[in-house]
Amino acid sequence: MGKQIRQIKWDSFALNSFLNILEFIKLDSPSNAKTIKNRILNLVSDIPKNPEIYRIDELKKENDGSFRVLNKDSIRISYKIEDSAIIIARIVHSSQMPKTY
């Protein structure tokens, strides 16, 4: 029996944050917004292959190690590793000065 590949699920708040970030970037450069969107989605789609590849999210309070974080293009993506899914939990732009949660 092979290794289980987890499904990606987006928290609605995280998805809305991502869309808002892209809309803001789009105001300045539609092509940059599209490039960043594709880059981020490609990185996220690869997480289930090796969920622990990124560092433990140091901003998550009481993190048992299941919350991880990746940074790309000044965007911070926090996700939770669960038995059957990867939950995209939080997305913030670095200009928003990410805080603990």
N, C-alpha and C. Protein backbone atom coordinates (compact mmCIF):
# COMPACT_ATOMS: atom_id res chain seq x y z
N MET A 1 0.85 -1.18 0.00
CA MET A 1 0.00 0.00 0.00
C MET A 1 0.89 1.24 0.00
N GLY A 2 0.61 2.19 -0.88
CA GLY A 2 1.42 3.39 -1.04
C GLY A 2 1.13 4.44 0.01
N LYS A 3 1.96 5.44 0.02
CA LYS A 3 1.82 6.55 0.94
C LYS A 3 0.58 7.38 0.57
N GLN A 4 -0.21 7.73 1.57
CA GLN A 4 -1.42 8.51 1.34
C GLN A 4 -1.06 9.95 0.98
N ILE A 5 -1.66 10.44 -0.10
CA ILE A 5 -1.51 11.85 -0.48
C ILE A 5 -2.73 12.60 0.05
N ARG A 6 -2.46 13.59 0.88
CA ARG A 6 -3.53 14.35 1.49
C ARG A 6 -4.16 15.33 0.50
N GLN A 7 -5.44 15.58 0.70
CA GLN A 7 -6.19 16.54 -0.09
C GLN A 7 -5.93 17.95 0.46
N ILE A 8 -5.92 18.95 -0.40
CA ILE A 8 -5.77 20.34 0.03
C ILE A 8 -7.15 20.95 0.24
N LYS A 9 -7.32 21.58 1.39
CA LYS A 9 -8.56 22.29 1.69
C LYS A 9 -8.20 23.70 2.12
N TRP A 10 -8.97 24.66 1.65
CA TRP A 10 -8.72 26.07 1.97
C TRP A 10 -9.71 26.55 3.02
N ASP A 11 -9.19 27.13 4.09
CA ASP A 11 -10.04 27.86 5.03
C ASP A 11 -10.62 29.05 4.27
N SER A 12 -11.88 29.36 4.48
CA SER A 12 -12.52 30.44 3.70
C SER A 12 -11.85 31.80 3.96
N PHE A 13 -11.42 32.05 5.18
CA PHE A 13 -10.75 33.31 5.49
C PHE A 13 -9.40 33.40 4.75
N ALA A 14 -8.67 32.29 4.71
CA ALA A 14 -7.38 32.25 4.01
C ALA A 14 -7.58 32.47 2.51
N LEU A 15 -8.59 31.84 1.95
CA LEU A 15 -8.86 32.01 0.52
C LEU A 15 -9.23 33.46 0.21
N ASN A 16 -10.08 34.05 1.03
CA ASN A 16 -10.45 35.46 0.81
C ASN A 16 -9.24 36.38 0.94
N SER A 17 -8.37 36.10 1.90
CA SER A 17 -7.15 36.89 2.06
C SER A 17 -6.28 36.80 0.82
N PHE A 18 -6.13 35.59 0.30
CA PHE A 18 -5.32 35.38 -0.91
C PHE A 18 -5.90 36.16 -2.08
N LEU A 19 -7.21 36.08 -2.27
CA LEU A 19 -7.86 36.80 -3.37
C LEU A 19 -7.71 38.31 -3.21
N ASN A 20 -7.81 38.79 -1.99
CA ASN A 20 -7.63 40.23 -1.73
C ASN A 20 -6.20 40.68 -2.03
N ILE A 21 -5.24 39.88 -1.65
CA ILE A 21 -3.83 40.19 -1.95
C ILE A 21 -3.62 40.27 -3.46
N LEU A 22 -4.17 39.29 -4.16
CA LEU A 22 -4.03 39.28 -5.62
C LEU A 22 -4.70 40.49 -6.26
N GLU A 23 -5.86 40.87 -5.76
CA GLU A 23 -6.56 42.06 -6.30
C GLU A 23 -5.73 43.32 -6.07
N PHE A 24 -5.10 43.42 -4.92
CA PHE A 24 -4.26 44.58 -4.63
C PHE A 24 -3.06 44.63 -5.58
N ILE A 25 -2.42 43.49 -5.79
CA ILE A 25 -1.28 43.42 -6.71
C ILE A 25 -1.72 43.74 -8.13
N LYS A 26 -2.91 43.27 -8.48
CA LYS A 26 -3.45 43.48 -9.83
C LYS A 26 -3.65 44.96 -10.16
N LEU A 27 -3.93 45.76 -9.13
CA LEU A 27 -4.10 47.20 -9.36
C LEU A 27 -2.83 47.83 -9.94
N ASP A 28 -1.71 47.33 -9.51
CA ASP A 28 -0.42 47.83 -9.98
C ASP A 28 0.05 47.10 -11.23
N SER A 29 -0.15 45.78 -11.24
CA SER A 29 0.36 44.97 -12.35
C SER A 29 -0.45 43.68 -12.50
N PRO A 30 -1.37 43.66 -13.45
CA PRO A 30 -2.14 42.43 -13.68
C PRO A 30 -1.25 41.21 -14.00
N SER A 31 -0.17 41.44 -14.72
CA SER A 31 0.69 40.31 -15.07
C SER A 31 1.41 39.76 -13.83
N ASN A 32 1.84 40.65 -12.93
CA ASN A 32 2.47 40.18 -11.69
C ASN A 32 1.48 39.40 -10.83
N ALA A 33 0.25 39.88 -10.77
CA ALA A 33 -0.77 39.18 -9.99
C ALA A 33 -0.97 37.76 -10.51
N LYS A 34 -1.02 37.62 -11.81
CA LYS A 34 -1.21 36.29 -12.42
C LYS A 34 0.00 35.40 -12.15
N THR A 35 1.19 35.95 -12.28
CA THR A 35 2.42 35.19 -12.02
C THR A 35 2.48 34.71 -10.58
N ILE A 36 2.19 35.61 -9.65
CA ILE A 36 2.23 35.27 -8.23
C ILE A 36 1.16 34.24 -7.90
N LYS A 37 -0.03 34.42 -8.43
CA LYS A 37 -1.11 33.45 -8.22
C LYS A 37 -0.66 32.06 -8.64
N ASN A 38 -0.10 31.95 -9.84
CA ASN A 38 0.33 30.65 -10.35
C ASN A 38 1.46 30.06 -9.50
N ARG A 39 2.41 30.90 -9.10
CA ARG A 39 3.52 30.43 -8.27
C ARG A 39 3.02 29.86 -6.94
N ILE A 40 2.15 30.63 -6.29
CA ILE A 40 1.63 30.21 -4.99
C ILE A 40 0.80 28.93 -5.12
N LEU A 41 -0.08 28.88 -6.10
CA LEU A 41 -0.91 27.69 -6.29
C LEU A 41 -0.07 26.46 -6.60
N ASN A 42 1.00 26.63 -7.37
CA ASN A 42 1.89 25.50 -7.65
C ASN A 42 2.59 25.01 -6.38
N LEU A 43 3.07 25.94 -5.56
CA LEU A 43 3.71 25.55 -4.30
C LEU A 43 2.71 24.83 -3.38
N VAL A 44 1.51 25.38 -3.27
CA VAL A 44 0.49 24.78 -2.42
C VAL A 44 0.13 23.38 -2.92
N SER A 45 0.01 23.22 -4.23
CA SER A 45 -0.37 21.91 -4.77
C SER A 45 0.71 20.85 -4.53
N ASP A 46 1.95 21.28 -4.30
CA ASP A 46 3.04 20.33 -4.03
C ASP A 46 3.15 19.94 -2.56
N ILE A 47 2.51 20.68 -1.66
CA ILE A 47 2.63 20.40 -0.23
C ILE A 47 2.25 18.95 0.13
N PRO A 48 1.16 18.40 -0.40
CA PRO A 48 0.80 17.03 0.01
C PRO A 48 1.87 15.98 -0.29
N LYS A 49 2.74 16.23 -1.24
CA LYS A 49 3.80 15.26 -1.57
C LYS A 49 4.82 15.15 -0.44
N ASN A 50 5.05 16.25 0.27
CA ASN A 50 6.01 16.27 1.37
C ASN A 50 5.60 17.39 2.34
N PRO A 51 4.56 17.17 3.14
CA PRO A 51 3.98 18.24 3.96
C PRO A 51 4.93 18.86 4.98
N GLU A 52 5.94 18.15 5.38
CA GLU A 52 6.85 18.66 6.40
C GLU A 52 8.08 19.35 5.82
N ILE A 53 8.06 19.64 4.53
CA ILE A 53 9.20 20.27 3.87
C ILE A 53 9.45 21.69 4.38
N TYR A 54 8.40 22.39 4.76
CA TYR A 54 8.55 23.77 5.22
C TYR A 54 8.66 23.81 6.74
N ARG A 55 9.17 24.91 7.25
CA ARG A 55 9.45 25.02 8.69
C ARG A 55 8.16 25.10 9.51
N ILE A 56 8.31 24.80 10.79
CA ILE A 56 7.20 24.92 11.74
C ILE A 56 6.83 26.40 11.86
N ASP A 57 5.54 26.68 11.89
CA ASP A 57 5.06 28.07 11.96
C ASP A 57 5.28 28.62 13.36
N GLU A 58 6.27 29.48 13.48
CA GLU A 58 6.63 30.05 14.79
C GLU A 58 5.62 31.07 15.29
N LEU A 59 4.71 31.54 14.43
CA LEU A 59 3.69 32.49 14.86
C LEU A 59 2.43 31.82 15.39
N LYS A 60 2.30 30.53 15.20
CA LYS A 60 1.13 29.80 15.69
C LYS A 60 1.33 29.47 17.17
N LYS A 61 0.42 29.97 17.99
CA LYS A 61 0.48 29.67 19.43
C LYS A 61 0.17 28.20 19.66
N GLU A 62 0.85 27.62 20.62
CA GLU A 62 0.63 26.22 20.99
C GLU A 62 0.68 25.29 19.78
N ASN A 63 1.66 25.48 18.95
CA ASN A 63 1.83 24.67 17.75
C ASN A 63 2.50 23.35 18.12
N ASP A 64 1.82 22.26 17.84
CA ASP A 64 2.37 20.93 18.12
C ASP A 64 3.26 20.42 16.97
N GLY A 65 3.53 21.31 16.01
CA GLY A 65 4.33 20.93 14.85
C GLY A 65 3.50 20.66 13.62
N SER A 66 2.18 20.64 13.78
CA SER A 66 1.31 20.37 12.63
C SER A 66 1.07 21.61 11.78
N PHE A 67 1.37 22.79 12.32
CA PHE A 67 1.24 24.02 11.54
C PHE A 67 2.60 24.37 10.95
N ARG A 68 2.65 24.51 9.64
CA ARG A 68 3.86 24.83 8.92
C ARG A 68 3.66 26.12 8.14
N VAL A 69 4.76 26.70 7.66
CA VAL A 69 4.66 27.96 6.94
C VAL A 69 5.64 27.99 5.78
N LEU A 70 5.21 28.62 4.69
CA LEU A 70 6.11 28.88 3.58
C LEU A 70 5.95 30.34 3.18
N ASN A 71 7.02 30.90 2.68
CA ASN A 71 7.01 32.30 2.22
C ASN A 71 7.45 32.35 0.77
N LYS A 72 6.70 33.09 -0.01
CA LYS A 72 7.05 33.27 -1.43
C LYS A 72 6.46 34.60 -1.88
N ASP A 73 7.27 35.39 -2.57
CA ASP A 73 6.80 36.66 -3.12
C ASP A 73 6.17 37.55 -2.05
N SER A 74 6.78 37.59 -0.88
CA SER A 74 6.30 38.39 0.26
C SER A 74 4.93 37.94 0.77
N ILE A 75 4.55 36.72 0.46
CA ILE A 75 3.29 36.17 0.93
C ILE A 75 3.61 35.00 1.86
N ARG A 76 2.98 35.02 3.02
CA ARG A 76 3.21 34.01 4.05
C ARG A 76 2.01 33.08 4.09
N ILE A 77 2.22 31.79 3.81
CA ILE A 77 1.14 30.80 3.76
C ILE A 77 1.32 29.84 4.92
N SER A 78 0.36 29.82 5.83
CA SER A 78 0.37 28.90 6.95
C SER A 78 -0.59 27.77 6.65
N TYR A 79 -0.16 26.54 6.92
CA TYR A 79 -1.04 25.41 6.69
C TYR A 79 -0.93 24.41 7.83
N LYS A 80 -1.98 23.61 7.97
CA LYS A 80 -2.01 22.59 9.01
C LYS A 80 -2.02 21.21 8.37
N ILE A 81 -1.17 20.35 8.89
CA ILE A 81 -1.12 18.98 8.42
C ILE A 81 -2.10 18.15 9.26
N GLU A 82 -3.10 17.59 8.60
CA GLU A 82 -4.03 16.69 9.27
C GLU A 82 -3.88 15.30 8.65
N ASP A 83 -4.51 14.30 9.25
CA ASP A 83 -4.37 12.93 8.75
C ASP A 83 -4.79 12.78 7.30
N SER A 84 -5.89 13.43 6.92
CA SER A 84 -6.41 13.23 5.57
C SER A 84 -6.36 14.47 4.70
N ALA A 85 -5.87 15.58 5.25
CA ALA A 85 -5.90 16.83 4.47
C ALA A 85 -4.79 17.78 4.90
N ILE A 86 -4.50 18.69 4.00
CA ILE A 86 -3.67 19.86 4.28
C ILE A 86 -4.62 21.04 4.28
N ILE A 87 -4.72 21.73 5.39
CA ILE A 87 -5.62 22.88 5.51
C ILE A 87 -4.81 24.16 5.33
N ILE A 88 -5.11 24.92 4.28
CA ILE A 88 -4.49 26.24 4.10
C ILE A 88 -5.22 27.14 5.08
N ALA A 89 -4.51 27.50 6.17
CA ALA A 89 -5.16 28.12 7.31
C ALA A 89 -5.10 29.64 7.31
N ARG A 90 -4.03 30.19 6.73
CA ARG A 90 -3.83 31.64 6.84
C ARG A 90 -2.88 32.11 5.75
N ILE A 91 -3.22 33.23 5.13
CA ILE A 91 -2.34 33.84 4.13
C ILE A 91 -2.30 35.33 4.41
N VAL A 92 -1.08 35.85 4.53
CA VAL A 92 -0.92 37.29 4.74
C VAL A 92 0.26 37.79 3.91
N HIS A 93 0.15 39.02 3.49
CA HIS A 93 1.27 39.68 2.81
C HIS A 93 2.19 40.22 3.88
N SER A 94 3.48 40.20 3.64
CA SER A 94 4.44 40.65 4.65
C SER A 94 4.23 42.11 5.05
N SER A 95 3.63 42.90 4.18
CA SER A 95 3.35 44.30 4.53
C SER A 95 2.29 44.40 5.62
N GLN A 96 1.56 43.32 5.86
CA GLN A 96 0.52 43.31 6.89
C GLN A 96 1.10 42.99 8.26
N MET A 97 2.41 42.85 8.35
CA MET A 97 3.09 42.58 9.62
C MET A 97 2.42 41.40 10.35
N PRO A 98 2.60 40.18 9.86
CA PRO A 98 1.95 39.01 10.48
C PRO A 98 2.19 38.94 11.99
N LYS A 99 1.13 38.58 12.70
CA LYS A 99 1.18 38.46 14.15
C LYS A 99 0.86 37.01 14.55
N THR A 100 1.07 36.74 15.82
CA THR A 100 0.74 35.39 16.30
C THR A 100 -0.76 35.17 16.19
N TYR A 101 -1.11 33.92 16.10
CA TYR A 101 -2.54 33.54 16.02
C TYR A 101 -2.76 32.25 16.76
